Amino acid sequence: MSLELLSLFTEKTKFLELYDRLLDVNSNDLEVDYYINSLSKSTGINKRCLYLYNGNWYYKNGLVYFFKDLPPLEALNEIIGEYISNYFDLKTVNYSLAKVIHSNSEPSLGITSLNFCNPKYSYKSVHDLGFNTYPLMPFLSNLEIFNKYFKENNTNKDFILSLKKLFVRDFFTGENDRRGDNLLFEVGSNSISLAPLFDYEWSFSYKSDYYSYDNSLAVMDITDKRTLEYLKNDKEFQELFSKLLTINLSKMFKEIEKNFEILIPNSSKSFYLEQEERVKELVYKTVIK
């Protein structure tokens, strides 16, 4: 982790120490397959989840953690991303600061989260469900496909509402990587729902037009008349965009600093607050009816 991020830490900052790595990413494909099959049986973690990050799983007190070594801005993005997901009442991983202890080198600093995969469920990506996100699909096309798919599979309205929350949440953060295996669905015998969200590091990288984010699941093009009309006439979207306008990043920073016992540099706060102001102004002028 960069020295810039070290300035976040105080004498009170606590790190979860990790030692026992479950898998060596330098293993060949056959070894990886063997280890993942064994780990899945011994830990109960769905193989889909283990394949996502096959080199960064660690044991700690009988629990399984995923570790990410990140540069400063991306690390803050991850932590802030968790708080914003909670704000929209979306399931999310919960991060802790962590250090991986090496025998022959300095510790690696980063963030970690507990494995969220439940052996009662299977985990599927949008591709597994038959959706094609390459090239990028217009927001309305994706929403219509999701509505049709989940209506045919007897999914309740709460699930569609969770997707709308996701779209608005990601619009606020300029999410650039909500695709493929970075968005999972938790599938039971008679249910399907969004799995906890994760991987927020490619956030707050807005482009000038605010909607043409690379690799996003759904490009919410608010300059498109049909899309804008839909958003203005959908009660749930209007409520969610109104909720977006009440986000208070300054308050979140205070909570993060208290809970993680860190100090976020003023320059970083200014960066996020400028993005918050710009997005809110755009939403207020264009989307709110």
Protein backbone atom coordinates (compact mmCIF):
# COMPACT_ATOMS: atom_id res chain seq x y z
CA MET A 1 0.00 0.00 0.00
CA SER A 2 1.27 3.48 -0.86
CA LEU A 3 2.93 5.68 1.77
CA GLU A 4 0.21 8.26 1.07
CA LEU A 5 -2.33 5.96 2.63
CA LEU A 6 -0.13 5.48 5.67
CA SER A 7 -0.96 9.09 6.54
CA LEU A 8 -4.51 7.90 7.23
CA PHE A 9 -3.36 5.83 10.16
CA THR A 10 -3.05 7.02 13.74
CA GLU A 11 -1.53 5.45 16.84
CA LYS A 12 -4.98 4.06 17.63
CA THR A 13 -5.57 2.50 14.22
CA LYS A 14 -6.13 -1.23 14.56
CA PHE A 15 -5.34 -3.84 11.92
CA LEU A 16 -6.56 -7.38 11.63
CA GLU A 17 -3.42 -9.49 11.24
CA LEU A 18 -3.57 -12.29 8.67
CA TYR A 19 -1.06 -15.12 8.28
CA ASP A 20 -2.44 -18.31 6.73
CA ARG A 21 -2.96 -17.89 3.03
CA LEU A 22 -5.25 -20.48 1.54
CA LEU A 23 -4.03 -20.51 -2.03
CA ASP A 24 -0.91 -19.60 -3.99
CA VAL A 25 -1.79 -17.57 -7.09
CA ASN A 26 1.42 -18.81 -8.72
CA SER A 27 0.07 -22.34 -8.82
CA ASN A 28 -0.72 -23.74 -12.25
CA ASP A 29 -4.33 -24.12 -13.38
CA LEU A 30 -4.61 -27.77 -12.37
CA GLU A 31 -3.30 -27.04 -8.89
CA VAL A 32 -5.68 -24.08 -8.54
CA ASP A 33 -8.63 -26.28 -9.53
CA TYR A 34 -7.56 -28.94 -7.04
CA TYR A 35 -7.09 -26.47 -4.19
CA ILE A 36 -10.36 -24.69 -4.89
CA ASN A 37 -12.30 -27.95 -4.91
CA SER A 38 -10.67 -28.92 -1.61
CA LEU A 39 -11.25 -25.49 -0.07
CA SER A 40 -14.86 -25.48 -1.14
CA LYS A 41 -15.44 -28.80 0.62
CA SER A 42 -13.55 -27.84 3.78
CA THR A 43 -14.87 -24.28 4.18
CA GLY A 44 -18.33 -24.50 2.63
CA ILE A 45 -17.49 -21.55 0.38
CA ASN A 46 -19.08 -21.73 -3.05
CA LYS A 47 -16.46 -22.42 -5.74
CA ARG A 48 -17.69 -19.42 -7.73
CA CYS A 49 -16.61 -17.16 -4.85
CA LEU A 50 -13.21 -18.82 -4.46
CA TYR A 51 -12.43 -18.46 -8.16
CA LEU A 52 -13.12 -14.71 -7.97
CA TYR A 53 -10.05 -14.00 -5.87
CA ASN A 54 -8.17 -17.28 -5.81
CA GLY A 55 -4.98 -15.92 -4.30
CA ASN A 56 -6.15 -13.69 -1.49
CA TRP A 57 -8.11 -15.86 0.93
CA TYR A 58 -6.87 -16.21 4.52
CA TYR A 59 -7.84 -18.13 7.64
CA LYS A 60 -8.26 -16.31 10.96
CA ASN A 61 -9.77 -17.91 14.06
CA GLY A 62 -11.70 -20.40 11.98
CA LEU A 63 -13.08 -17.72 9.66
CA VAL A 64 -12.22 -17.03 6.02
CA TYR A 65 -11.22 -13.52 4.91
CA PHE A 66 -10.50 -11.92 1.56
CA PHE A 67 -7.62 -9.41 1.52
CA LYS A 68 -6.97 -6.54 -0.92
CA ASP A 69 -3.74 -4.57 -1.08
CA LEU A 70 -4.77 -1.22 -2.60
CA PRO A 71 -3.37 2.23 -3.35
CA PRO A 72 -4.83 5.06 -1.26
CA LEU A 73 -7.72 6.37 -3.34
CA GLU A 74 -9.03 2.91 -4.19
CA ALA A 75 -8.83 1.83 -0.54
CA LEU A 76 -10.92 4.82 0.51
CA ASN A 77 -13.31 4.08 -2.34
CA GLU A 78 -13.86 0.59 -0.95
CA ILE A 79 -14.62 1.83 2.56
CA ILE A 80 -16.84 4.71 1.40
CA GLY A 81 -18.55 2.32 -1.02
CA GLU A 82 -19.62 0.10 1.85
CA TYR A 83 -21.16 3.06 3.67
CA ILE A 84 -23.04 4.24 0.58
CA SER A 85 -24.43 0.75 -0.03
CA ASN A 86 -25.66 0.68 3.57
CA TYR A 87 -27.25 4.10 2.99
CA PHE A 88 -29.34 2.61 0.19
CA ASP A 89 -30.17 -0.46 2.31
CA LEU A 90 -28.21 -2.78 0.02
CA LYS A 91 -26.35 -5.81 1.29
CA THR A 92 -22.59 -5.30 1.24
CA VAL A 93 -19.36 -6.75 2.50
CA ASN A 94 -18.03 -5.10 5.66
CA TYR A 95 -14.41 -3.97 5.57
CA SER A 96 -11.68 -3.90 8.21
CA LEU A 97 -8.16 -2.59 7.91
CA ALA A 98 -5.71 -5.48 7.76
CA LYS A 99 -2.08 -6.39 7.46
CA VAL A 100 -0.69 -9.61 6.02
CA ILE A 101 2.37 -10.78 7.93
CA HIS A 102 5.19 -12.14 5.74
CA SER A 103 8.15 -14.12 7.01
CA ASN A 104 10.75 -12.46 4.77
CA SER A 105 9.40 -8.97 4.06
CA GLU A 106 7.46 -6.05 5.48
CA PRO A 107 3.71 -6.57 6.13
CA SER A 108 1.25 -5.81 3.34
CA LEU A 109 -1.35 -3.25 4.40
CA GLY A 110 -4.85 -3.16 2.99
CA ILE A 111 -8.47 -4.00 3.67
CA THR A 112 -10.20 -7.26 4.33
CA SER A 113 -13.75 -8.62 4.49
CA LEU A 114 -15.29 -11.85 5.70
CA ASN A 115 -16.37 -14.40 3.15
CA PHE A 116 -20.07 -13.79 2.47
CA CYS A 117 -20.84 -16.93 0.47
CA ASN A 118 -23.42 -19.14 2.15
CA PRO A 119 -23.26 -22.86 1.30
CA LYS A 120 -27.08 -22.92 1.22
CA TYR A 121 -27.01 -20.88 -1.99
CA SER A 122 -25.38 -20.96 -5.37
CA TYR A 123 -23.91 -17.76 -6.81
CA LYS A 124 -24.43 -16.65 -10.38
CA SER A 125 -23.21 -13.67 -12.38
CA VAL A 126 -25.24 -11.73 -14.92
CA HIS A 127 -23.53 -13.82 -17.59
CA ASP A 128 -24.58 -17.05 -15.88
CA LEU A 129 -28.17 -15.82 -16.00
CA GLY A 130 -27.89 -15.30 -19.76
CA PHE A 131 -27.31 -11.55 -19.94
CA ASN A 132 -24.66 -10.11 -22.22
CA THR A 133 -23.03 -6.93 -20.91
CA TYR A 134 -20.62 -6.58 -23.83
CA PRO A 135 -21.03 -4.20 -25.50
CA LEU A 136 -22.57 -2.00 -22.84
CA MET A 137 -26.34 -2.17 -22.83
CA PRO A 138 -28.53 0.88 -22.40
CA PHE A 139 -29.99 1.17 -18.91
CA LEU A 140 -33.62 0.71 -20.01
CA SER A 141 -32.78 -2.35 -22.09
CA ASN A 142 -31.17 -4.03 -19.11
CA LEU A 143 -33.99 -3.07 -16.75
CA GLU A 144 -36.60 -4.41 -19.16
CA ILE A 145 -34.67 -7.67 -19.54
CA PHE A 146 -34.29 -8.01 -15.78
CA ASN A 147 -38.00 -7.33 -15.26
CA LYS A 148 -38.98 -9.95 -17.82
CA TYR A 149 -36.51 -12.55 -16.55
CA PHE A 150 -37.43 -12.26 -12.91
CA LYS A 151 -41.15 -12.02 -13.58
CA GLU A 152 -40.93 -15.32 -15.45
CA ASN A 153 -39.03 -16.79 -12.50
CA ASN A 154 -41.57 -15.59 -9.92
CA THR A 155 -39.22 -13.13 -8.28
CA ASN A 156 -40.95 -10.60 -6.03
CA LYS A 157 -41.00 -6.85 -6.56
CA ASP A 158 -38.47 -6.31 -3.78
CA PHE A 159 -35.81 -7.73 -6.04
CA ILE A 160 -36.51 -5.25 -8.83
CA LEU A 161 -36.45 -2.48 -6.23
CA SER A 162 -33.00 -3.66 -5.09
CA LEU A 163 -31.79 -3.38 -8.69
CA LYS A 164 -33.11 0.17 -8.90
CA LYS A 165 -31.28 0.99 -5.66
CA LEU A 166 -28.13 -0.47 -7.19
CA PHE A 167 -28.46 1.60 -10.36
CA VAL A 168 -28.94 4.86 -8.42
CA ARG A 169 -26.20 3.99 -5.93
CA ASP A 170 -23.73 3.31 -8.74
CA PHE A 171 -24.78 6.47 -10.56
CA PHE A 172 -23.84 8.51 -7.50
CA THR A 173 -20.41 6.90 -7.16
CA GLY A 174 -19.58 6.71 -10.87
CA GLU A 175 -19.09 2.96 -10.53
CA ASN A 176 -16.87 1.68 -13.34
CA ASP A 177 -16.70 -2.02 -12.66
CA ARG A 178 -20.16 -3.41 -11.93
CA ARG A 179 -20.01 -6.24 -14.41
CA GLY A 180 -19.35 -9.95 -14.81
CA ASP A 181 -18.30 -11.57 -11.55
CA ASN A 182 -18.32 -8.23 -9.74
CA LEU A 183 -22.10 -8.54 -9.39
CA LEU A 184 -23.40 -11.82 -8.04
CA PHE A 185 -26.89 -13.17 -7.47
CA GLU A 186 -27.67 -15.42 -4.52
CA VAL A 187 -29.82 -18.28 -5.80
CA GLY A 188 -31.79 -20.62 -3.54
CA SER A 189 -34.24 -23.37 -4.35
CA ASN A 190 -37.13 -20.90 -4.60
CA SER A 191 -35.48 -17.50 -4.40
CA ILE A 192 -33.03 -15.14 -6.01
CA SER A 193 -31.59 -11.91 -4.63
CA LEU A 194 -28.58 -9.66 -4.95
CA ALA A 195 -25.57 -11.07 -3.15
CA PRO A 196 -23.69 -8.62 -0.91
CA LEU A 197 -22.03 -5.95 -3.03
CA PHE A 198 -18.25 -5.70 -3.14
CA ASP A 199 -15.35 -4.29 -5.17
CA TYR A 200 -15.88 -0.53 -5.05
CA GLU A 201 -12.33 0.48 -5.91
CA TRP A 202 -13.15 1.81 -9.41
CA SER A 203 -15.54 4.44 -8.10
CA PHE A 204 -15.66 8.24 -8.20
CA SER A 205 -13.86 8.28 -11.54
CA TYR A 206 -16.49 10.40 -13.25
CA LYS A 207 -16.32 11.35 -16.87
CA SER A 208 -17.57 14.69 -18.06
CA ASP A 209 -20.93 13.28 -19.17
CA TYR A 210 -21.51 11.32 -15.92
CA TYR A 211 -23.16 8.32 -17.50
CA SER A 212 -20.75 6.68 -19.96
CA TYR A 213 -18.92 4.71 -17.30
CA ASP A 214 -16.76 1.92 -18.67
CA ASN A 215 -17.84 -1.64 -17.87
CA SER A 216 -20.92 -0.72 -15.90
CA LEU A 217 -23.84 -3.10 -15.87
CA ALA A 218 -26.26 -0.45 -17.04
CA VAL A 219 -25.39 2.91 -18.57
CA MET A 220 -27.94 5.35 -17.18
CA ASP A 221 -27.89 7.89 -19.99
CA ILE A 222 -29.92 10.77 -18.62
CA THR A 223 -29.52 12.71 -21.87
CA ASP A 224 -31.66 10.07 -23.58
CA LYS A 225 -35.27 11.32 -23.67
CA ARG A 226 -36.81 7.88 -23.21
CA THR A 227 -34.60 7.08 -20.24
CA LEU A 228 -35.21 10.45 -18.60
CA GLU A 229 -38.97 10.15 -19.10
CA TYR A 230 -38.90 6.71 -17.49
CA LEU A 231 -36.92 7.93 -14.50
CA LYS A 232 -39.21 10.93 -14.00
CA ASN A 233 -42.38 8.82 -14.14
CA ASP A 234 -41.22 5.91 -12.01
CA LYS A 235 -42.17 6.56 -8.37
CA GLU A 236 -39.46 4.30 -6.96
CA PHE A 237 -36.70 5.92 -9.00
CA GLN A 238 -37.89 9.37 -7.97
CA GLU A 239 -37.76 8.34 -4.31
CA LEU A 240 -34.29 6.86 -4.76
CA PHE A 241 -32.89 9.91 -6.54
CA SER A 242 -34.40 12.09 -3.80
CA LYS A 243 -32.57 9.88 -1.31
CA LEU A 244 -29.38 10.42 -3.30
CA LEU A 245 -29.79 14.16 -2.75
CA THR A 246 -29.70 13.64 1.02
CA ILE A 247 -26.37 11.77 1.08
CA ASN A 248 -23.98 13.54 3.43
CA LEU A 249 -20.41 12.48 2.74
CA SER A 250 -19.04 14.81 5.41
CA LYS A 251 -21.05 12.91 8.01
CA MET A 252 -19.88 9.60 6.57
CA PHE A 253 -16.26 10.73 6.81
CA LYS A 254 -16.71 11.41 10.53
CA GLU A 255 -18.23 7.96 11.05
CA ILE A 256 -15.46 6.29 9.06
CA GLU A 257 -12.73 8.14 10.93
CA LYS A 258 -14.29 7.14 14.24
CA ASN A 259 -14.98 3.51 13.35
CA PHE A 260 -11.65 2.87 11.63
CA GLU A 261 -9.66 5.22 13.87
CA ILE A 262 -8.06 6.95 10.90
CA LEU A 263 -7.71 10.53 9.65
CA ILE A 264 -8.82 11.16 6.07
CA PRO A 265 -6.63 13.89 4.48
CA ASN A 266 -8.48 17.13 3.72
CA SER A 267 -7.39 16.89 0.08
CA SER A 268 -9.17 13.53 -0.22
CA LYS A 269 -12.29 14.89 1.47
CA SER A 270 -12.35 17.82 -0.95
CA PHE A 271 -12.14 15.48 -3.92
CA TYR A 272 -15.15 13.43 -2.79
CA LEU A 273 -17.18 16.46 -1.74
CA GLU A 274 -16.69 18.11 -5.12
CA GLN A 275 -17.99 14.96 -6.83
CA GLU A 276 -20.94 14.82 -4.43
CA GLU A 277 -21.90 18.41 -5.24
CA ARG A 278 -21.61 17.93 -9.00
CA VAL A 279 -23.72 14.77 -9.09
CA LYS A 280 -26.41 16.22 -6.84
CA GLU A 281 -26.63 19.33 -9.01
CA LEU A 282 -26.98 17.19 -12.13
CA VAL A 283 -29.69 15.01 -10.57
CA TYR A 284 -31.62 17.98 -9.20
CA LYS A 285 -31.62 19.79 -12.54
CA THR A 286 -32.41 16.83 -14.79
CA VAL A 287 -33.90 13.80 -13.05
CA ILE A 288 -36.06 15.08 -10.19
CA LYS A 289 -39.57 15.73 -11.43
